[in-house]
Amino acid sequence: MSNWDLLGNGIFNVDGQAWHDSRALLRPLFAKTKISQFETFERHTQQLISLIGGQGQPIDISDLFYKLTLDTATDFLFGRSVQSLTHAESSFAKAFNEALRVQRLKVITGPLKWLIPRKSFKEALQVIDSFIEPFIQDTLRLTSQEHLDQDVDNEDSTLLQSLAAVTKDRKGKPSTS
């Protein structure tokens, strides 16, 4: 089991020409209109602020920032947040956290990574996949015209929809049509 199990064979796990190709594919998706969607950030930041009570009790701000990042990222990527700030028992958030925990252990242990138990990692990947898969299927079902209607610069399109407008390949290879 490698880094590919969690992050795939995209920009985070490749180098050389494969990295260059992946970067070229993703670059237009981060156009100013996409990353300037302040309403998304504002909505999730307001949820975060509402959780910082001021009751004189200590809070784990790092956990709240992690959840803010997760909620904002899933909203930006898929058009739907996992709502980890408002739903403490978010199965996606727990699974993602577990997958990252095991991945971190694998990196730290280096050549001894084979000693790290993988059961919780595999279970976490199944939860993550079951959350993401419907978004991928729905997006890949869009016709070419629907993709043209949701062009990359459209503020309302998700990052996944913008990516699917460039490629229908699940591995992210650009379409040649």
Protein backbone atom coordinates (compact mmCIF):
# COMPACT_ATOMS: atom_id res chain seq x y z
CA MET A 1 0.00 0.00 0.00
CA SER A 2 1.52 3.31 -1.07
CA ASN A 3 0.73 7.02 -0.99
CA TRP A 4 -1.31 6.34 -4.12
CA ASP A 5 -3.93 4.57 -2.04
CA LEU A 6 -5.03 7.83 -0.46
CA LEU A 7 -4.01 10.52 -2.96
CA GLY A 8 -4.00 8.66 -6.28
CA ASN A 9 -1.43 9.16 -9.02
CA GLY A 10 -1.89 12.91 -9.42
CA ILE A 11 0.14 15.97 -8.68
CA PHE A 12 0.92 15.01 -5.06
CA ASN A 13 2.51 11.65 -5.84
CA VAL A 14 4.35 12.02 -9.12
CA ASP A 15 7.29 13.95 -10.46
CA GLY A 16 8.94 14.74 -13.78
CA GLN A 17 6.73 14.80 -16.86
CA ALA A 18 3.78 13.22 -15.02
CA TRP A 19 3.87 16.06 -12.47
CA HIS A 20 4.12 18.66 -15.25
CA ASP A 21 1.14 17.13 -17.09
CA SER A 22 -0.91 16.98 -13.89
CA ARG A 23 -0.09 20.59 -13.05
CA ALA A 24 -0.99 21.73 -16.57
CA LEU A 25 -4.34 19.94 -16.27
CA LEU A 26 -5.15 21.51 -12.90
CA ARG A 27 -3.85 25.06 -13.43
CA PRO A 28 -6.95 26.45 -15.24
CA LEU A 29 -9.17 25.06 -12.50
CA PHE A 30 -7.65 27.48 -10.02
CA ALA A 31 -8.55 30.59 -11.99
CA LYS A 32 -9.18 33.73 -9.99
CA THR A 33 -12.95 33.29 -10.35
CA LYS A 34 -12.75 29.83 -8.74
CA ILE A 35 -10.62 30.71 -5.74
CA SER A 36 -12.40 34.01 -5.19
CA GLN A 37 -15.63 32.37 -4.09
CA PHE A 38 -15.70 34.23 -0.81
CA GLU A 39 -19.30 33.24 -0.04
CA THR A 40 -18.19 29.64 0.48
CA PHE A 41 -15.36 30.67 2.81
CA GLU A 42 -17.57 33.19 4.60
CA ARG A 43 -20.32 30.63 5.28
CA HIS A 44 -17.93 28.11 6.80
CA THR A 45 -15.97 30.77 8.71
CA GLN A 46 -19.22 32.00 10.28
CA GLN A 47 -19.93 28.44 11.41
CA LEU A 48 -16.45 28.29 12.96
CA ILE A 49 -16.92 31.62 14.75
CA SER A 50 -20.23 30.47 16.21
CA LEU A 51 -18.39 27.55 17.84
CA ILE A 52 -15.89 29.80 19.60
CA GLY A 53 -18.12 30.61 22.52
CA GLY A 54 -16.28 32.96 24.82
CA GLN A 55 -17.47 31.05 27.87
CA GLY A 56 -13.98 31.07 29.34
CA GLN A 57 -13.51 27.42 28.45
CA PRO A 58 -10.50 26.15 26.53
CA ILE A 59 -11.14 25.01 22.96
CA ASP A 60 -9.08 22.98 20.51
CA ILE A 61 -8.63 25.58 17.78
CA SER A 62 -6.50 23.22 15.67
CA ASP A 63 -9.41 20.76 15.48
CA LEU A 64 -11.75 23.58 14.46
CA PHE A 65 -9.33 24.81 11.77
CA TYR A 66 -8.98 21.23 10.47
CA LYS A 67 -12.78 20.96 10.23
CA LEU A 68 -13.03 24.40 8.59
CA THR A 69 -10.51 23.30 5.98
CA LEU A 70 -12.32 20.01 5.40
CA ASP A 71 -15.74 21.68 5.07
CA THR A 72 -14.47 24.40 2.76
CA ALA A 73 -12.45 22.00 0.61
CA THR A 74 -15.29 19.51 0.11
CA ASP A 75 -17.69 22.35 -0.69
CA PHE A 76 -15.24 23.78 -3.23
CA LEU A 77 -14.39 20.39 -4.75
CA PHE A 78 -17.80 18.69 -4.81
CA GLY A 79 -20.39 21.41 -4.21
CA ARG A 80 -21.35 19.87 -0.88
CA SER A 81 -19.61 20.22 2.45
CA VAL A 82 -19.12 17.28 4.79
CA GLN A 83 -20.37 19.63 7.55
CA SER A 84 -17.76 18.48 10.06
CA LEU A 85 -18.02 21.77 11.99
CA THR A 86 -21.71 21.25 12.67
CA HIS A 87 -21.81 17.44 12.74
CA ALA A 88 -19.17 16.20 15.14
CA GLU A 89 -19.77 12.61 14.09
CA SER A 90 -19.12 13.14 10.37
CA SER A 91 -18.11 9.71 9.07
CA PHE A 92 -16.15 11.29 6.20
CA ALA A 93 -14.18 13.54 8.55
CA LYS A 94 -13.37 10.63 10.87
CA ALA A 95 -12.34 8.42 7.95
CA PHE A 96 -10.20 11.13 6.36
CA ASN A 97 -8.49 11.79 9.68
CA GLU A 98 -7.79 8.07 10.15
CA ALA A 99 -6.42 7.69 6.63
CA LEU A 100 -4.10 10.65 7.23
CA ARG A 101 -3.03 9.20 10.60
CA VAL A 102 -2.02 5.87 9.08
CA GLN A 103 -0.42 7.59 6.09
CA ARG A 104 1.65 9.72 8.48
CA LEU A 105 2.78 6.59 10.35
CA LYS A 106 3.81 4.96 7.07
CA VAL A 107 5.95 7.96 6.17
CA ILE A 108 7.54 8.17 9.63
CA THR A 109 8.43 4.47 9.80
CA GLY A 110 9.98 4.45 6.31
CA PRO A 111 11.36 1.00 5.50
CA LEU A 112 9.51 -0.47 8.47
CA LYS A 113 6.11 0.73 7.22
CA TRP A 114 5.11 -2.87 6.60
CA LEU A 115 4.69 -3.13 10.40
CA ILE A 116 1.83 -0.61 10.40
CA PRO A 117 -1.60 -2.29 10.58
CA ARG A 118 -3.67 -1.40 7.52
CA LYS A 119 -7.20 -2.50 8.46
CA SER A 120 -8.38 0.92 9.69
CA PHE A 121 -6.71 2.55 6.66
CA LYS A 122 -8.59 0.31 4.22
CA GLU A 123 -11.87 0.89 6.06
CA ALA A 124 -11.28 4.65 6.00
CA LEU A 125 -10.61 4.59 2.25
CA GLN A 126 -13.91 2.77 1.72
CA VAL A 127 -15.79 5.50 3.61
CA ILE A 128 -13.98 8.24 1.66
CA ASP A 129 -14.65 6.49 -1.65
CA SER A 130 -18.34 5.98 -0.84
CA PHE A 131 -18.69 9.72 -0.16
CA ILE A 132 -16.83 10.83 -3.29
CA GLU A 133 -18.04 8.24 -5.81
CA PRO A 134 -21.58 9.65 -6.33
CA PHE A 135 -20.11 13.07 -7.17
CA ILE A 136 -17.74 11.51 -9.68
CA GLN A 137 -20.52 9.43 -11.29
CA ASP A 138 -22.91 12.39 -11.53
CA THR A 139 -20.20 14.59 -13.02
CA LEU A 140 -19.03 12.00 -15.55
CA ARG A 141 -22.63 11.54 -16.73
CA LEU A 142 -22.83 15.16 -17.88
CA THR A 143 -22.94 15.57 -21.63
CA SER A 144 -20.40 17.64 -23.55
CA GLN A 145 -22.96 20.43 -23.88
CA GLU A 146 -23.59 20.45 -20.14
CA HIS A 147 -19.83 20.75 -19.61
CA LEU A 148 -19.71 23.67 -22.04
CA ASP A 149 -22.53 25.30 -20.08
CA GLN A 150 -20.46 24.90 -16.90
CA ASP A 151 -17.17 26.13 -18.25
CA VAL A 152 -14.06 26.33 -16.10
CA ASP A 153 -14.54 30.04 -15.35
CA ASN A 154 -18.12 29.58 -14.12
CA GLU A 155 -18.21 30.54 -10.45
CA ASP A 156 -20.99 28.05 -9.73
CA SER A 157 -19.23 24.99 -11.10
CA THR A 158 -17.32 22.78 -8.69
CA LEU A 159 -13.68 21.89 -9.13
CA LEU A 160 -14.74 18.34 -10.02
CA GLN A 161 -17.09 19.62 -12.74
CA SER A 162 -14.36 21.86 -14.11
CA LEU A 163 -11.94 18.93 -14.20
CA ALA A 164 -14.51 16.71 -15.95
CA ALA A 165 -14.92 19.40 -18.62
CA VAL A 166 -11.26 18.81 -19.48
CA THR A 167 -11.20 15.02 -19.11
CA LYS A 168 -13.60 12.10 -18.62
CA ASP A 169 -10.72 9.85 -17.59
CA ARG A 170 -10.97 8.85 -13.93
CA LYS A 171 -7.16 8.97 -13.68
CA GLY A 172 -7.12 12.57 -14.92
CA LYS A 173 -5.55 12.10 -18.33
CA PRO A 174 -6.63 14.94 -20.66
CA SER A 175 -9.18 14.16 -23.34
CA THR A 176 -7.91 14.49 -26.88
CA SER A 177 -11.26 15.38 -28.45
